[in-house]
PDB file of N, CA and C in Angstrom:
ATOM      1  N   MET A   1       0.823  -1.192   0.000  1.00  0.00           N
ATOM      2  CA  MET A   1       0.000   0.000   0.000  1.00  0.00           C
ATOM      3  C   MET A   1       0.868   1.257   0.000  1.00  0.00           C
ATOM      4  N   MET A   2       1.987   1.187   0.717  1.00  0.00           N
ATOM      5  CA  MET A   2       2.874   2.345   0.777  1.00  0.00           C
ATOM      6  C   MET A   2       3.468   2.646  -0.603  1.00  0.00           C
ATOM      7  N   LEU A   3       3.818   1.592  -1.335  1.00  0.00           N
ATOM      8  CA  LEU A   3       4.360   1.776  -2.680  1.00  0.00           C
ATOM      9  C   LEU A   3       3.320   2.422  -3.590  1.00  0.00           C
ATOM     10  N   PHE A   4       2.075   1.974  -3.480  1.00  0.00           N
ATOM     11  CA  PHE A   4       1.003   2.540  -4.297  1.00  0.00           C
ATOM     12  C   PHE A   4       0.818   4.025  -4.005  1.00  0.00           C
ATOM     13  N   LEU A   5       0.787   4.381  -2.726  1.00  0.00           N
ATOM     14  CA  LEU A   5       0.611   5.789  -2.360  1.00  0.00           C
ATOM     15  C   LEU A   5       1.798   6.637  -2.808  1.00  0.00           C
ATOM     16  N   THR A   6       2.994   6.080  -2.734  1.00  0.00           N
ATOM     17  CA  THR A   6       4.178   6.797  -3.209  1.00  0.00           C
ATOM     18  C   THR A   6       4.091   7.034  -4.715  1.00  0.00           C
ATOM     19  N   ALA A   7       3.713   5.989  -5.452  1.00  0.00           N
ATOM     20  CA  ALA A   7       3.587   6.116  -6.906  1.00  0.00           C
ATOM     21  C   ALA A   7       2.493   7.114  -7.278  1.00  0.00           C
ATOM     22  N   LEU A   8       1.381   7.057  -6.582  1.00  0.00           N
ATOM     23  CA  LEU A   8       0.284   7.990  -6.847  1.00  0.00           C
ATOM     24  C   LEU A   8       0.715   9.424  -6.556  1.00  0.00           C
ATOM     25  N   GLY A   9       1.410   9.610  -5.446  1.00  0.00           N
ATOM     26  CA  GLY A   9       1.911  10.942  -5.111  1.00  0.00           C
ATOM     27  C   GLY A   9       2.881  11.470  -6.148  1.00  0.00           C
ATOM     28  N   LEU A  10       3.791  10.622  -6.614  1.00  0.00           N
ATOM     29  CA  LEU A  10       4.747  11.030  -7.639  1.00  0.00           C
ATOM     30  C   LEU A  10       4.037  11.396  -8.936  1.00  0.00           C
ATOM     31  N   MET A  11       3.027  10.621  -9.307  1.00  0.00           N
ATOM     32  CA  MET A  11       2.264  10.921 -10.512  1.00  0.00           C
ATOM     33  C   MET A  11       1.595  12.291 -10.395  1.00  0.00           C
ATOM     34  N   LEU A  12       1.015  12.575  -9.232  1.00  0.00           N
ATOM     35  CA  LEU A  12       0.343  13.860  -9.032  1.00  0.00           C
ATOM     36  C   LEU A  12       1.325  15.024  -9.037  1.00  0.00           C
ATOM     37  N   VAL A  13       2.511  14.821  -8.484  1.00  0.00           N
ATOM     38  CA  VAL A  13       3.539  15.870  -8.513  1.00  0.00           C
ATOM     39  C   VAL A  13       3.932  16.174  -9.953  1.00  0.00           C
ATOM     40  N   ILE A  14       4.190  15.135 -10.740  1.00  0.00           N
ATOM     41  CA  ILE A  14       4.603  15.326 -12.137  1.00  0.00           C
ATOM     42  C   ILE A  14       3.489  16.009 -12.926  1.00  0.00           C
ATOM     43  N   GLU A  15       2.253  15.543 -12.771  1.00  0.00           N
ATOM     44  CA  GLU A  15       1.142  16.171 -13.489  1.00  0.00           C
ATOM     45  C   GLU A  15       0.908  17.596 -13.007  1.00  0.00           C
ATOM     46  N   GLY A  16       1.080  17.826 -11.722  1.00  0.00           N
ATOM     47  CA  GLY A  16       0.909  19.179 -11.195  1.00  0.00           C
ATOM     48  C   GLY A  16       1.907  20.152 -11.790  1.00  0.00           C
ATOM     49  N   PHE A  17       3.166  19.721 -11.901  1.00  0.00           N
ATOM     50  CA  PHE A  17       4.176  20.569 -12.540  1.00  0.00           C
ATOM     51  C   PHE A  17       3.824  20.813 -14.006  1.00  0.00           C
ATOM     52  N   PHE A  18       3.331  19.782 -14.668  1.00  0.00           N
ATOM     53  CA  PHE A  18       2.975  19.892 -16.082  1.00  0.00           C
ATOM     54  C   PHE A  18       1.843  20.901 -16.278  1.00  0.00           C
ATOM     55  N   TYR A  19       0.743  20.720 -15.544  1.00  0.00           N
ATOM     56  CA  TYR A  19      -0.405  21.620 -15.700  1.00  0.00           C
ATOM     57  C   TYR A  19      -0.141  23.002 -15.112  1.00  0.00           C
ATOM     58  N   GLY A  20       0.593  23.070 -14.028  1.00  0.00           N
ATOM     59  CA  GLY A  20       0.887  24.357 -13.409  1.00  0.00           C
ATOM     60  C   GLY A  20       1.958  25.138 -14.139  1.00  0.00           C
ATOM     61  N   GLY A  21       2.909  24.434 -14.725  1.00  0.00           N
ATOM     62  CA  GLY A  21       4.032  25.101 -15.380  1.00  0.00           C
ATOM     63  C   GLY A  21       3.760  25.532 -16.806  1.00  0.00           C
ATOM     64  N   VAL A  22       3.093  24.688 -17.555  1.00  0.00           N
ATOM     65  CA  VAL A  22       2.832  24.992 -18.971  1.00  0.00           C
ATOM     66  C   VAL A  22       1.376  24.646 -19.318  1.00  0.00           C
ATOM     67  N   PRO A  23       0.420  25.419 -18.782  1.00  0.00           N
ATOM     68  CA  PRO A  23      -0.986  25.084 -19.010  1.00  0.00           C
ATOM     69  C   PRO A  23      -1.409  25.151 -20.475  1.00  0.00           C
ATOM     70  N   SER A  24      -0.834  26.059 -21.250  1.00  0.00           N
ATOM     71  CA  SER A  24      -1.232  26.146 -22.664  1.00  0.00           C
ATOM     72  C   SER A  24      -0.811  24.886 -23.418  1.00  0.00           C
ATOM     73  N   PHE A  25       0.367  24.358 -23.102  1.00  0.00           N
ATOM     74  CA  PHE A  25       0.819  23.116 -23.735  1.00  0.00           C
ATOM     75  C   PHE A  25      -0.067  21.946 -23.301  1.00  0.00           C
ATOM     76  N   ALA A  26      -0.470  21.934 -22.032  1.00  0.00           N
ATOM     77  CA  ALA A  26      -1.344  20.872 -21.530  1.00  0.00           C
ATOM     78  C   ALA A  26      -2.679  20.881 -22.274  1.00  0.00           C
ATOM     79  N   LYS A  27      -3.203  22.073 -22.550  1.00  0.00           N
ATOM     80  CA  LYS A  27      -4.460  22.176 -23.295  1.00  0.00           C
ATOM     81  C   LYS A  27      -4.299  21.664 -24.722  1.00  0.00           C
ATOM     82  N   LYS A  28      -3.170  21.994 -25.350  1.00  0.00           N
ATOM     83  CA  LYS A  28      -2.920  21.512 -26.716  1.00  0.00           C
ATOM     84  C   LYS A  28      -2.822  19.990 -26.736  1.00  0.00           C
ATOM     85  N   MET A  29      -2.147  19.428 -25.738  1.00  0.00           N
ATOM     86  CA  MET A  29      -2.015  17.972 -25.670  1.00  0.00           C
ATOM     87  C   MET A  29      -3.381  17.316 -25.454  1.00  0.00           C
ATOM     88  N   ALA A  30      -4.220  17.920 -24.613  1.00  0.00           N
ATOM     89  CA  ALA A  30      -5.557  17.378 -24.372  1.00  0.00           C
ATOM     90  C   ALA A  30      -6.381  17.399 -25.659  1.00  0.00           C
ATOM     91  N   ALA A  31      -6.252  18.462 -26.440  1.00  0.00           N
ATOM     92  CA  ALA A  31      -6.969  18.540 -27.714  1.00  0.00           C
ATOM     93  C   ALA A  31      -6.472  17.467 -28.676  1.00  0.00           C
ATOM     94  N   MET A  32      -5.168  17.212 -28.668  1.00  0.00           N
ATOM     95  CA  MET A  32      -4.615  16.167 -29.536  1.00  0.00           C
ATOM     96  C   MET A  32      -5.127  14.789 -29.126  1.00  0.00           C
ATOM     97  N   VAL A  33      -5.265  14.565 -27.827  1.00  0.00           N
ATOM     98  CA  VAL A  33      -5.769  13.276 -27.342  1.00  0.00           C
ATOM     99  C   VAL A  33      -7.201  13.060 -27.823  1.00  0.00           C
ATOM    100  N   LEU A  34      -8.009  14.115 -27.812  1.00  0.00           N
ATOM    101  CA  LEU A  34      -9.393  13.994 -28.269  1.00  0.00           C
ATOM    102  C   LEU A  34      -9.474  13.614 -29.742  1.00  0.00           C
ATOM    103  N   GLU A  35      -8.480  14.007 -30.529  1.00  0.00           N
ATOM    104  CA  GLU A  35      -8.475  13.711 -31.960  1.00  0.00           C
ATOM    105  C   GLU A  35      -7.822  12.367 -32.287  1.00  0.00           C
ATOM    106  N   THR A  36      -7.154  11.760 -31.324  1.00  0.00           N
ATOM    107  CA  THR A  36      -6.446  10.507 -31.552  1.00  0.00           C
ATOM    108  C   THR A  36      -7.439   9.344 -31.535  1.00  0.00           C
ATOM    109  N   PRO A  37      -7.322   8.420 -32.488  1.00  0.00           N
ATOM    110  CA  PRO A  37      -8.228   7.262 -32.519  1.00  0.00           C
ATOM    111  C   PRO A  37      -8.123   6.425 -31.236  1.00  0.00           C
ATOM    112  N   ASP A  38      -9.261   5.850 -30.834  1.00  0.00           N
ATOM    113  CA  ASP A  38      -9.314   5.053 -29.604  1.00  0.00           C
ATOM    114  C   ASP A  38      -8.304   3.910 -29.607  1.00  0.00           C
ATOM    115  N   GLU A  39      -8.160   3.239 -30.724  1.00  0.00           N
ATOM    116  CA  GLU A  39      -7.254   2.085 -30.793  1.00  0.00           C
ATOM    117  C   GLU A  39      -5.809   2.501 -30.527  1.00  0.00           C
ATOM    118  N   LEU A  40      -5.402   3.636 -31.059  1.00  0.00           N
ATOM    119  CA  LEU A  40      -4.040   4.120 -30.828  1.00  0.00           C
ATOM    120  C   LEU A  40      -3.837   4.499 -29.357  1.00  0.00           C
ATOM    121  N   LEU A  41      -4.837   5.144 -28.757  1.00  0.00           N
ATOM    122  CA  LEU A  41      -4.754   5.472 -27.329  1.00  0.00           C
ATOM    123  C   LEU A  41      -4.676   4.203 -26.483  1.00  0.00           C
ATOM    124  N   ARG A  42      -5.470   3.200 -26.850  1.00  0.00           N
ATOM    125  CA  ARG A  42      -5.478   1.941 -26.114  1.00  0.00           C
ATOM    126  C   ARG A  42      -4.110   1.273 -26.173  1.00  0.00           C
ATOM    127  N   LYS A  43      -3.542   1.186 -27.366  1.00  0.00           N
ATOM    128  CA  LYS A  43      -2.224   0.557 -27.519  1.00  0.00           C
ATOM    129  C   LYS A  43      -1.148   1.344 -26.774  1.00  0.00           C
ATOM    130  N   GLY A  44      -1.199   2.660 -26.868  1.00  0.00           N
ATOM    131  CA  GLY A  44      -0.227   3.491 -26.160  1.00  0.00           C
ATOM    132  C   GLY A  44      -0.347   3.339 -24.653  1.00  0.00           C
ATOM    133  N   GLY A  45      -1.568   3.257 -24.160  1.00  0.00           N
ATOM    134  CA  GLY A  45      -1.790   3.068 -22.731  1.00  0.00           C
ATOM    135  C   GLY A  45      -1.282   1.729 -22.237  1.00  0.00           C
ATOM    136  N   ILE A  46      -1.503   0.686 -23.031  1.00  0.00           N
ATOM    137  CA  ILE A  46      -1.018  -0.646 -22.652  1.00  0.00           C
ATOM    138  C   ILE A  46       0.500  -0.673 -22.637  1.00  0.00           C
ATOM    139  N   VAL A  47       1.124  -0.073 -23.642  1.00  0.00           N
ATOM    140  CA  VAL A  47       2.593  -0.028 -23.690  1.00  0.00           C
ATOM    141  C   VAL A  47       3.135   0.752 -22.490  1.00  0.00           C
ATOM    142  N   ALA A  48       2.524   1.880 -22.176  1.00  0.00           N
ATOM    143  CA  ALA A  48       2.974   2.677 -21.032  1.00  0.00           C
ATOM    144  C   ALA A  48       2.828   1.894 -19.729  1.00  0.00           C
ATOM    145  N   ALA A  49       1.721   1.168 -19.575  1.00  0.00           N
ATOM    146  CA  ALA A  49       1.511   0.369 -18.369  1.00  0.00           C
ATOM    147  C   ALA A  49       2.553  -0.739 -18.259  1.00  0.00           C
ATOM    148  N   LEU A  50       2.868  -1.389 -19.377  1.00  0.00           N
ATOM    149  CA  LEU A  50       3.879  -2.452 -19.357  1.00  0.00           C
ATOM    150  C   LEU A  50       5.266  -1.905 -19.027  1.00  0.00           C
ATOM    151  N   ILE A  51       5.593  -0.748 -19.576  1.00  0.00           N
ATOM    152  CA  ILE A  51       6.884  -0.125 -19.251  1.00  0.00           C
ATOM    153  C   ILE A  51       6.926   0.232 -17.768  1.00  0.00           C
ATOM    154  N   GLY A  52       5.831   0.766 -17.247  1.00  0.00           N
ATOM    155  CA  GLY A  52       5.764   1.092 -15.829  1.00  0.00           C
ATOM    156  C   GLY A  52       5.934  -0.138 -14.949  1.00  0.00           C
ATOM    157  N   LEU A  53       5.276  -1.231 -15.317  1.00  0.00           N
ATOM    158  CA  LEU A  53       5.430  -2.473 -14.560  1.00  0.00           C
ATOM    159  C   LEU A  53       6.864  -2.982 -14.612  1.00  0.00           C
ATOM    160  N   ALA A  54       7.476  -2.890 -15.781  1.00  0.00           N
ATOM    161  CA  ALA A  54       8.869  -3.333 -15.920  1.00  0.00           C
ATOM    162  C   ALA A  54       9.799  -2.485 -15.055  1.00  0.00           C
ATOM    163  N   LEU A  55       9.568  -1.188 -15.000  1.00  0.00           N
ATOM    164  CA  LEU A  55      10.394  -0.316 -14.165  1.00  0.00           C
ATOM    165  C   LEU A  55      10.221  -0.628 -12.681  1.00  0.00           C
ATOM    166  N   ILE A  56       8.982  -0.893 -12.270  1.00  0.00           N
ATOM    167  CA  ILE A  56       8.738  -1.262 -10.872  1.00  0.00           C
ATOM    168  C   ILE A  56       9.429  -2.582 -10.553  1.00  0.00           C
ATOM    169  N   TRP A  57       9.300  -3.549 -11.439  1.00  0.00           N
ATOM    170  CA  TRP A  57       9.946  -4.850 -11.236  1.00  0.00           C
ATOM    171  C   TRP A  57      11.462  -4.675 -11.143  1.00  0.00           C
ATOM    172  N   LEU A  58      12.025  -3.879 -12.044  1.00  0.00           N
ATOM    173  CA  LEU A  58      13.467  -3.647 -12.050  1.00  0.00           C
ATOM    174  C   LEU A  58      13.916  -2.950 -10.764  1.00  0.00           C
ATOM    175  N   ALA A  59      13.150  -1.973 -10.315  1.00  0.00           N
ATOM    176  CA  ALA A  59      13.503  -1.253  -9.093  1.00  0.00           C
ATOM    177  C   ALA A  59      13.505  -2.184  -7.882  1.00  0.00           C
ATOM    178  N   HIS A  60      12.600  -3.133  -7.853  1.00  0.00           N
ATOM    179  CA  HIS A  60      12.549  -4.068  -6.726  1.00  0.00           C
ATOM    180  C   HIS A  60      13.625  -5.137  -6.809  1.00  0.00           C
ATOM    181  N   ARG A  61      14.137  -5.394  -8.001  1.00  0.00           N
ATOM    182  CA  ARG A  61      15.197  -6.394  -8.166  1.00  0.00           C
ATOM    183  C   ARG A  61      16.561  -5.833  -7.788  1.00  0.00           C
ATOM    184  N   LEU A  62      16.721  -4.516  -7.853  1.00  0.00           N
ATOM    185  CA  LEU A  62      18.022  -3.904  -7.553  1.00  0.00           C
ATOM    186  C   LEU A  62      18.250  -3.761  -6.069  1.00  0.00           C
TER     187      LEU A  62
END
């Protein structure tokens, strides 16, 4: 549970810097996401999740 809360906190910090630091770029990216086909978003999300899992696994192995 502690690892989950740490990961969630880190995600919120990174997103907070992104939206707080460059809000106009964040809006442009959101508009691009709306125009992206669902299948491409799905594949990108799965790849990102797998990379995240691999990084967590690697961090615990070290």
